[in-house]
Amino acid sequence: MKKTANQPGQAEDKKAAVDAERKLTLEILRMKRVMEITGLSRSTIYKKLSEGRFAPKVQLSERSIGFYNADVFAWLENPMGYRAPEATNG
């Protein structure tokens, strides 16, 4: 049986899933999962990216991006004060 929003335990299940996902440092999250985790819309994520106020994107292909989960969770710790790290010229 699928849980509904009113059933107890759903919030705890989601928190446990997010906590488990947070422990993985090199996993790339696709946009849909980032939207689920953050609660932000696609357009808001792109706006924050352009302002340097969201986790840096990882270009996966010409039309596909992802985000390292460690970067997304760093953003979650301080969404209002987050600033993307400065790019370095190697």
PDB file of N, CA and C in Angstrom:
ATOM      1  N   MET A   1       0.839  -1.185   0.000  1.00  0.00           N
ATOM      2  CA  MET A   1       0.000   0.000   0.000  1.00  0.00           C
ATOM      3  C   MET A   1       0.882   1.246   0.000  1.00  0.00           C
ATOM      4  N   LYS A   2       0.558   2.184  -0.838  1.00  0.00           N
ATOM      5  CA  LYS A   2       1.321   3.421  -0.946  1.00  0.00           C
ATOM      6  C   LYS A   2       0.911   4.377   0.170  1.00  0.00           C
ATOM      7  N   LYS A   3       1.891   5.008   0.801  1.00  0.00           N
ATOM      8  CA  LYS A   3       1.603   5.954   1.874  1.00  0.00           C
ATOM      9  C   LYS A   3       1.037   7.246   1.305  1.00  0.00           C
ATOM     10  N   THR A   4       0.161   7.856   2.051  1.00  0.00           N
ATOM     11  CA  THR A   4      -0.348   9.171   1.679  1.00  0.00           C
ATOM     12  C   THR A   4       0.261  10.196   2.606  1.00  0.00           C
ATOM     13  N   ALA A   5       0.065  11.462   2.297  1.00  0.00           N
ATOM     14  CA  ALA A   5       0.673  12.541   3.072  1.00  0.00           C
ATOM     15  C   ALA A   5       0.195  12.544   4.520  1.00  0.00           C
ATOM     16  N   ASN A   6      -0.987  11.974   4.796  1.00  0.00           N
ATOM     17  CA  ASN A   6      -1.539  12.020   6.137  1.00  0.00           C
ATOM     18  C   ASN A   6      -1.084  10.864   7.015  1.00  0.00           C
ATOM     19  N   GLN A   7      -0.424   9.880   6.468  1.00  0.00           N
ATOM     20  CA  GLN A   7      -0.019   8.735   7.267  1.00  0.00           C
ATOM     21  C   GLN A   7       1.226   9.063   8.074  1.00  0.00           C
ATOM     22  N   PRO A   8       1.226   8.677   9.368  1.00  0.00           N
ATOM     23  CA  PRO A   8       2.419   8.930  10.178  1.00  0.00           C
ATOM     24  C   PRO A   8       3.603   8.124   9.656  1.00  0.00           C
ATOM     25  N   GLY A   9       4.768   8.662   9.837  1.00  0.00           N
ATOM     26  CA  GLY A   9       5.975   7.952   9.437  1.00  0.00           C
ATOM     27  C   GLY A   9       6.513   8.366   8.089  1.00  0.00           C
ATOM     28  N   GLN A  10       5.703   9.023   7.264  1.00  0.00           N
ATOM     29  CA  GLN A  10       6.184   9.402   5.932  1.00  0.00           C
ATOM     30  C   GLN A  10       7.310  10.425   6.031  1.00  0.00           C
ATOM     31  N   ALA A  11       7.164  11.401   6.907  1.00  0.00           N
ATOM     32  CA  ALA A  11       8.219  12.414   7.065  1.00  0.00           C
ATOM     33  C   ALA A  11       9.502  11.765   7.577  1.00  0.00           C
ATOM     34  N   GLU A  12       9.363  10.823   8.512  1.00  0.00           N
ATOM     35  CA  GLU A  12      10.534  10.135   9.048  1.00  0.00           C
ATOM     36  C   GLU A  12      11.202   9.285   7.967  1.00  0.00           C
ATOM     37  N   ASP A  13      10.400   8.632   7.121  1.00  0.00           N
ATOM     38  CA  ASP A  13      10.940   7.824   6.032  1.00  0.00           C
ATOM     39  C   ASP A  13      11.724   8.692   5.052  1.00  0.00           C
ATOM     40  N   LYS A  14      11.168   9.843   4.717  1.00  0.00           N
ATOM     41  CA  LYS A  14      11.834  10.743   3.773  1.00  0.00           C
ATOM     42  C   LYS A  14      13.124  11.284   4.379  1.00  0.00           C
ATOM     43  N   LYS A  15      13.080  11.638   5.683  1.00  0.00           N
ATOM     44  CA  LYS A  15      14.284  12.143   6.347  1.00  0.00           C
ATOM     45  C   LYS A  15      15.368  11.068   6.383  1.00  0.00           C
ATOM     46  N   ALA A  16      14.985   9.835   6.660  1.00  0.00           N
ATOM     47  CA  ALA A  16      15.966   8.746   6.683  1.00  0.00           C
ATOM     48  C   ALA A  16      16.584   8.540   5.305  1.00  0.00           C
ATOM     49  N   ALA A  17      15.769   8.636   4.274  1.00  0.00           N
ATOM     50  CA  ALA A  17      16.279   8.474   2.911  1.00  0.00           C
ATOM     51  C   ALA A  17      17.243   9.601   2.555  1.00  0.00           C
ATOM     52  N   VAL A  18      16.901  10.828   2.939  1.00  0.00           N
ATOM     53  CA  VAL A  18      17.772  11.967   2.657  1.00  0.00           C
ATOM     54  C   VAL A  18      19.069  11.845   3.456  1.00  0.00           C
ATOM     55  N   ASP A  19      18.974  11.422   4.717  1.00  0.00           N
ATOM     56  CA  ASP A  19      20.178  11.243   5.539  1.00  0.00           C
ATOM     57  C   ASP A  19      21.101  10.189   4.946  1.00  0.00           C
ATOM     58  N   ALA A  20      20.537   9.090   4.460  1.00  0.00           N
ATOM     59  CA  ALA A  20      21.345   8.032   3.851  1.00  0.00           C
ATOM     60  C   ALA A  20      22.008   8.549   2.570  1.00  0.00           C
ATOM     61  N   GLU A  21      21.266   9.323   1.798  1.00  0.00           N
ATOM     62  CA  GLU A  21      21.796   9.858   0.547  1.00  0.00           C
ATOM     63  C   GLU A  21      22.914  10.866   0.821  1.00  0.00           C
ATOM     64  N   ARG A  22      22.804  11.578   1.912  1.00  0.00           N
ATOM     65  CA  ARG A  22      23.785  12.596   2.266  1.00  0.00           C
ATOM     66  C   ARG A  22      25.167  11.994   2.523  1.00  0.00           C
ATOM     67  N   LYS A  23      25.219  10.773   2.997  1.00  0.00           N
ATOM     68  CA  LYS A  23      26.485  10.128   3.326  1.00  0.00           C
ATOM     69  C   LYS A  23      27.320   9.807   2.086  1.00  0.00           C
ATOM     70  N   LEU A  24      26.705   9.741   0.945  1.00  0.00           N
ATOM     71  CA  LEU A  24      27.426   9.453  -0.291  1.00  0.00           C
ATOM     72  C   LEU A  24      27.986  10.759  -0.838  1.00  0.00           C
ATOM     73  N   THR A  25      29.298  10.833  -0.985  1.00  0.00           N
ATOM     74  CA  THR A  25      29.881  12.119  -1.347  1.00  0.00           C
ATOM     75  C   THR A  25      30.089  12.305  -2.842  1.00  0.00           C
ATOM     76  N   LEU A  26      30.186  11.245  -3.606  1.00  0.00           N
ATOM     77  CA  LEU A  26      30.477  11.403  -5.026  1.00  0.00           C
ATOM     78  C   LEU A  26      29.318  11.012  -5.931  1.00  0.00           C
ATOM     79  N   GLU A  27      28.148  10.931  -5.393  1.00  0.00           N
ATOM     80  CA  GLU A  27      26.991  10.592  -6.217  1.00  0.00           C
ATOM     81  C   GLU A  27      26.497  11.844  -6.937  1.00  0.00           C
ATOM     82  N   ILE A  28      26.129  11.682  -8.188  1.00  0.00           N
ATOM     83  CA  ILE A  28      25.558  12.785  -8.957  1.00  0.00           C
ATOM     84  C   ILE A  28      24.042  12.649  -8.939  1.00  0.00           C
ATOM     85  N   LEU A  29      23.386  13.718  -8.523  1.00  0.00           N
ATOM     86  CA  LEU A  29      21.932  13.754  -8.479  1.00  0.00           C
ATOM     87  C   LEU A  29      21.415  14.450  -9.725  1.00  0.00           C
ATOM     88  N   ARG A  30      20.390  13.882 -10.316  1.00  0.00           N
ATOM     89  CA  ARG A  30      19.762  14.514 -11.473  1.00  0.00           C
ATOM     90  C   ARG A  30      18.798  15.594 -11.000  1.00  0.00           C
ATOM     91  N   MET A  31      18.398  16.451 -11.902  1.00  0.00           N
ATOM     92  CA  MET A  31      17.561  17.600 -11.565  1.00  0.00           C
ATOM     93  C   MET A  31      16.285  17.207 -10.821  1.00  0.00           C
ATOM     94  N   LYS A  32      15.618  16.171 -11.271  1.00  0.00           N
ATOM     95  CA  LYS A  32      14.358  15.765 -10.635  1.00  0.00           C
ATOM     96  C   LYS A  32      14.571  15.458  -9.155  1.00  0.00           C
ATOM     97  N   ARG A  33      15.641  14.743  -8.834  1.00  0.00           N
ATOM     98  CA  ARG A  33      15.923  14.389  -7.439  1.00  0.00           C
ATOM     99  C   ARG A  33      16.300  15.633  -6.642  1.00  0.00           C
ATOM    100  N   VAL A  34      17.058  16.549  -7.237  1.00  0.00           N
ATOM    101  CA  VAL A  34      17.422  17.788  -6.556  1.00  0.00           C
ATOM    102  C   VAL A  34      16.165  18.603  -6.244  1.00  0.00           C
ATOM    103  N   MET A  35      15.226  18.626  -7.176  1.00  0.00           N
ATOM    104  CA  MET A  35      13.972  19.332  -6.948  1.00  0.00           C
ATOM    105  C   MET A  35      13.202  18.702  -5.788  1.00  0.00           C
ATOM    106  N   GLU A  36      13.196  17.373  -5.705  1.00  0.00           N
ATOM    107  CA  GLU A  36      12.524  16.677  -4.606  1.00  0.00           C
ATOM    108  C   GLU A  36      13.187  16.986  -3.267  1.00  0.00           C
ATOM    109  N   ILE A  37      14.506  16.947  -3.230  1.00  0.00           N
ATOM    110  CA  ILE A  37      15.242  17.162  -1.985  1.00  0.00           C
ATOM    111  C   ILE A  37      15.098  18.596  -1.491  1.00  0.00           C
ATOM    112  N   THR A  38      15.217  19.559  -2.392  1.00  0.00           N
ATOM    113  CA  THR A  38      15.228  20.974  -1.993  1.00  0.00           C
ATOM    114  C   THR A  38      13.845  21.590  -1.898  1.00  0.00           C
ATOM    115  N   GLY A  39      12.896  21.042  -2.633  1.00  0.00           N
ATOM    116  CA  GLY A  39      11.576  21.648  -2.688  1.00  0.00           C
ATOM    117  C   GLY A  39      11.508  22.841  -3.632  1.00  0.00           C
ATOM    118  N   LEU A  40      12.578  23.048  -4.397  1.00  0.00           N
ATOM    119  CA  LEU A  40      12.621  24.162  -5.343  1.00  0.00           C
ATOM    120  C   LEU A  40      12.148  23.723  -6.718  1.00  0.00           C
ATOM    121  N   SER A  41      11.630  24.668  -7.474  1.00  0.00           N
ATOM    122  CA  SER A  41      11.246  24.389  -8.858  1.00  0.00           C
ATOM    123  C   SER A  41      12.487  24.430  -9.745  1.00  0.00           C
ATOM    124  N   ARG A  42      12.371  23.884 -10.937  1.00  0.00           N
ATOM    125  CA  ARG A  42      13.462  23.903 -11.906  1.00  0.00           C
ATOM    126  C   ARG A  42      13.900  25.346 -12.203  1.00  0.00           C
ATOM    127  N   SER A  43      12.930  26.234 -12.415  1.00  0.00           N
ATOM    128  CA  SER A  43      13.277  27.619 -12.758  1.00  0.00           C
ATOM    129  C   SER A  43      13.978  28.325 -11.600  1.00  0.00           C
ATOM    130  N   THR A  44      13.588  28.024 -10.369  1.00  0.00           N
ATOM    131  CA  THR A  44      14.247  28.628  -9.210  1.00  0.00           C
ATOM    132  C   THR A  44      15.675  28.128  -9.084  1.00  0.00           C
ATOM    133  N   ILE A  45      15.900  26.852  -9.334  1.00  0.00           N
ATOM    134  CA  ILE A  45      17.255  26.297  -9.286  1.00  0.00           C
ATOM    135  C   ILE A  45      18.132  26.989 -10.330  1.00  0.00           C
ATOM    136  N   TYR A  46      17.630  27.129 -11.556  1.00  0.00           N
ATOM    137  CA  TYR A  46      18.410  27.797 -12.597  1.00  0.00           C
ATOM    138  C   TYR A  46      18.677  29.267 -12.254  1.00  0.00           C
ATOM    139  N   LYS A  47      17.707  29.932 -11.659  1.00  0.00           N
ATOM    140  CA  LYS A  47      17.902  31.328 -11.257  1.00  0.00           C
ATOM    141  C   LYS A  47      19.002  31.414 -10.201  1.00  0.00           C
ATOM    142  N   LYS A  48      18.938  30.553  -9.194  1.00  0.00           N
ATOM    143  CA  LYS A  48      19.956  30.551  -8.143  1.00  0.00           C
ATOM    144  C   LYS A  48      21.328  30.187  -8.715  1.00  0.00           C
ATOM    145  N   LEU A  49      21.371  29.261  -9.676  1.00  0.00           N
ATOM    146  CA  LEU A  49      22.641  28.925 -10.329  1.00  0.00           C
ATOM    147  C   LEU A  49      23.255  30.157 -10.990  1.00  0.00           C
ATOM    148  N   SER A  50      22.436  30.910 -11.707  1.00  0.00           N
ATOM    149  CA  SER A  50      22.952  32.088 -12.418  1.00  0.00           C
ATOM    150  C   SER A  50      23.429  33.166 -11.463  1.00  0.00           C
ATOM    151  N   GLU A  51      22.891  33.173 -10.232  1.00  0.00           N
ATOM    152  CA  GLU A  51      23.289  34.149  -9.216  1.00  0.00           C
ATOM    153  C   GLU A  51      24.461  33.655  -8.366  1.00  0.00           C
ATOM    154  N   GLY A  52      24.890  32.398  -8.573  1.00  0.00           N
ATOM    155  CA  GLY A  52      25.947  31.828  -7.752  1.00  0.00           C
ATOM    156  C   GLY A  52      25.479  31.454  -6.364  1.00  0.00           C
ATOM    157  N   ARG A  53      24.172  31.188  -6.234  1.00  0.00           N
ATOM    158  CA  ARG A  53      23.593  30.914  -4.927  1.00  0.00           C
ATOM    159  C   ARG A  53      23.039  29.500  -4.817  1.00  0.00           C
ATOM    160  N   PHE A  54      23.586  28.577  -5.610  1.00  0.00           N
ATOM    161  CA  PHE A  54      23.180  27.176  -5.537  1.00  0.00           C
ATOM    162  C   PHE A  54      24.397  26.317  -5.830  1.00  0.00           C
ATOM    163  N   ALA A  55      24.284  25.049  -5.509  1.00  0.00           N
ATOM    164  CA  ALA A  55      25.376  24.100  -5.742  1.00  0.00           C
ATOM    165  C   ALA A  55      25.784  24.125  -7.211  1.00  0.00           C
ATOM    166  N   PRO A  56      27.077  24.060  -7.493  1.00  0.00           N
ATOM    167  CA  PRO A  56      27.525  24.079  -8.892  1.00  0.00           C
ATOM    168  C   PRO A  56      26.983  22.877  -9.671  1.00  0.00           C
ATOM    169  N   LYS A  57      26.642  23.116 -10.922  1.00  0.00           N
ATOM    170  CA  LYS A  57      26.134  22.024 -11.753  1.00  0.00           C
ATOM    171  C   LYS A  57      27.297  21.226 -12.337  1.00  0.00           C
ATOM    172  N   VAL A  58      26.988  19.989 -12.701  1.00  0.00           N
ATOM    173  CA  VAL A  58      27.932  19.104 -13.383  1.00  0.00           C
ATOM    174  C   VAL A  58      27.325  18.812 -14.746  1.00  0.00           C
ATOM    175  N   GLN A  59      27.994  19.202 -15.809  1.00  0.00           N
ATOM    176  CA  GLN A  59      27.490  18.968 -17.160  1.00  0.00           C
ATOM    177  C   GLN A  59      27.700  17.495 -17.509  1.00  0.00           C
ATOM    178  N   LEU A  60      26.620  16.746 -17.691  1.00  0.00           N
ATOM    179  CA  LEU A  60      26.697  15.320 -17.981  1.00  0.00           C
ATOM    180  C   LEU A  60      26.711  15.033 -19.475  1.00  0.00           C
ATOM    181  N   SER A  61      26.036  15.867 -20.212  1.00  0.00           N
ATOM    182  CA  SER A  61      26.028  15.766 -21.668  1.00  0.00           C
ATOM    183  C   SER A  61      25.600  17.130 -22.193  1.00  0.00           C
ATOM    184  N   GLU A  62      25.424  17.213 -23.487  1.00  0.00           N
ATOM    185  CA  GLU A  62      25.056  18.497 -24.081  1.00  0.00           C
ATOM    186  C   GLU A  62      23.777  19.065 -23.481  1.00  0.00           C
ATOM    187  N   ARG A  63      22.822  18.194 -23.149  1.00  0.00           N
ATOM    188  CA  ARG A  63      21.522  18.657 -22.656  1.00  0.00           C
ATOM    189  C   ARG A  63      21.172  18.136 -21.269  1.00  0.00           C
ATOM    190  N   SER A  64      22.146  17.699 -20.526  1.00  0.00           N
ATOM    191  CA  SER A  64      21.868  17.092 -19.237  1.00  0.00           C
ATOM    192  C   SER A  64      22.847  17.580 -18.171  1.00  0.00           C
ATOM    193  N   ILE A  65      22.290  17.963 -17.023  1.00  0.00           N
ATOM    194  CA  ILE A  65      23.141  18.366 -15.907  1.00  0.00           C
ATOM    195  C   ILE A  65      22.778  17.554 -14.675  1.00  0.00           C
ATOM    196  N   GLY A  66      23.684  17.566 -13.724  1.00  0.00           N
ATOM    197  CA  GLY A  66      23.459  16.954 -12.429  1.00  0.00           C
ATOM    198  C   GLY A  66      24.175  17.786 -11.386  1.00  0.00           C
ATOM    199  N   PHE A  67      24.113  17.322 -10.158  1.00  0.00           N
ATOM    200  CA  PHE A  67      24.750  18.016  -9.046  1.00  0.00           C
ATOM    201  C   PHE A  67      25.344  16.973  -8.120  1.00  0.00           C
ATOM    202  N   TYR A  68      26.559  17.220  -7.600  1.00  0.00           N
ATOM    203  CA  TYR A  68      27.102  16.326  -6.591  1.00  0.00           C
ATOM    204  C   TYR A  68      26.251  16.469  -5.339  1.00  0.00           C
ATOM    205  N   ASN A  69      25.882  15.322  -4.750  1.00  0.00           N
ATOM    206  CA  ASN A  69      24.992  15.398  -3.601  1.00  0.00           C
ATOM    207  C   ASN A  69      25.626  16.155  -2.439  1.00  0.00           C
ATOM    208  N   ALA A  70      26.934  16.073  -2.257  1.00  0.00           N
ATOM    209  CA  ALA A  70      27.587  16.802  -1.169  1.00  0.00           C
ATOM    210  C   ALA A  70      27.384  18.310  -1.338  1.00  0.00           C
ATOM    211  N   ASP A  71      27.419  18.794  -2.572  1.00  0.00           N
ATOM    212  CA  ASP A  71      27.199  20.218  -2.833  1.00  0.00           C
ATOM    213  C   ASP A  71      25.755  20.620  -2.541  1.00  0.00           C
ATOM    214  N   VAL A  72      24.815  19.760  -2.913  1.00  0.00           N
ATOM    215  CA  VAL A  72      23.397  20.053  -2.651  1.00  0.00           C
ATOM    216  C   VAL A  72      23.149  20.109  -1.143  1.00  0.00           C
ATOM    217  N   PHE A  73      23.729  19.170  -0.407  1.00  0.00           N
ATOM    218  CA  PHE A  73      23.516  19.162   1.039  1.00  0.00           C
ATOM    219  C   PHE A  73      24.241  20.316   1.726  1.00  0.00           C
ATOM    220  N   ALA A  74      25.345  20.784   1.163  1.00  0.00           N
ATOM    221  CA  ALA A  74      26.003  21.986   1.690  1.00  0.00           C
ATOM    222  C   ALA A  74      25.066  23.184   1.520  1.00  0.00           C
ATOM    223  N   TRP A  75      24.382  23.245   0.392  1.00  0.00           N
ATOM    224  CA  TRP A  75      23.413  24.311   0.156  1.00  0.00           C
ATOM    225  C   TRP A  75      22.266  24.207   1.161  1.00  0.00           C
ATOM    226  N   LEU A  76      21.792  22.980   1.417  1.00  0.00           N
ATOM    227  CA  LEU A  76      20.667  22.779   2.339  1.00  0.00           C
ATOM    228  C   LEU A  76      20.986  23.245   3.759  1.00  0.00           C
ATOM    229  N   GLU A  77      22.250  23.190   4.143  1.00  0.00           N
ATOM    230  CA  GLU A  77      22.623  23.612   5.486  1.00  0.00           C
ATOM    231  C   GLU A  77      22.464  25.108   5.689  1.00  0.00           C
ATOM    232  N   ASN A  78      22.532  25.901   4.618  1.00  0.00           N
ATOM    233  CA  ASN A  78      22.389  27.349   4.723  1.00  0.00           C
ATOM    234  C   ASN A  78      21.868  27.914   3.398  1.00  0.00           C
ATOM    235  N   PRO A  79      20.606  27.644   3.075  1.00  0.00           N
ATOM    236  CA  PRO A  79      20.096  28.063   1.764  1.00  0.00           C
ATOM    237  C   PRO A  79      20.097  29.578   1.540  1.00  0.00           C
ATOM    238  N   MET A  80      19.866  30.357   2.550  1.00  0.00           N
ATOM    239  CA  MET A  80      19.829  31.816   2.375  1.00  0.00           C
ATOM    240  C   MET A  80      21.232  32.418   2.264  1.00  0.00           C
ATOM    241  N   GLY A  81      22.216  31.810   2.909  1.00  0.00           N
ATOM    242  CA  GLY A  81      23.548  32.394   2.922  1.00  0.00           C
ATOM    243  C   GLY A  81      24.544  31.695   2.011  1.00  0.00           C
ATOM    244  N   TYR A  82      24.100  30.652   1.302  1.00  0.00           N
ATOM    245  CA  TYR A  82      25.024  29.878   0.465  1.00  0.00           C
ATOM    246  C   TYR A  82      25.555  30.704  -0.689  1.00  0.00           C
ATOM    247  N   ARG A  83      26.847  30.581  -0.926  1.00  0.00           N
ATOM    248  CA  ARG A  83      27.477  31.157  -2.112  1.00  0.00           C
ATOM    249  C   ARG A  83      28.333  30.069  -2.734  1.00  0.00           C
ATOM    250  N   ALA A  84      28.209  29.887  -4.021  1.00  0.00           N
ATOM    251  CA  ALA A  84      28.991  28.860  -4.728  1.00  0.00           C
ATOM    252  C   ALA A  84      30.471  29.183  -4.604  1.00  0.00           C
ATOM    253  N   PRO A  85      31.291  28.163  -4.474  1.00  0.00           N
ATOM    254  CA  PRO A  85      32.732  28.411  -4.404  1.00  0.00           C
ATOM    255  C   PRO A  85      33.223  29.077  -5.688  1.00  0.00           C
ATOM    256  N   GLU A  86      34.237  29.910  -5.555  1.00  0.00           N
ATOM    257  CA  GLU A  86      34.827  30.577  -6.707  1.00  0.00           C
ATOM    258  C   GLU A  86      35.493  29.545  -7.613  1.00  0.00           C
ATOM    259  N   ALA A  87      35.327  29.689  -8.902  1.00  0.00           N
ATOM    260  CA  ALA A  87      35.986  28.796  -9.857  1.00  0.00           C
ATOM    261  C   ALA A  87      37.481  29.107  -9.849  1.00  0.00           C
ATOM    262  N   THR A  88      38.269  28.048  -9.968  1.00  0.00           N
ATOM    263  CA  THR A  88      39.711  28.245 -10.008  1.00  0.00           C
ATOM    264  C   THR A  88      40.219  27.910 -11.386  1.00  0.00           C
ATOM    265  N   ASN A  89      41.212  28.619 -11.830  1.00  0.00           N
ATOM    266  CA  ASN A  89      41.839  28.334 -13.110  1.00  0.00           C
ATOM    267  C   ASN A  89      43.047  27.452 -12.850  1.00  0.00           C
ATOM    268  N   GLY A  90      42.931  26.157 -13.240  1.00  0.00           N
ATOM    269  CA  GLY A  90      43.956  25.190 -12.937  1.00  0.00           C
ATOM    270  C   GLY A  90      45.082  25.263 -13.848  1.00  0.00           C
TER     271      GLY A  90
END
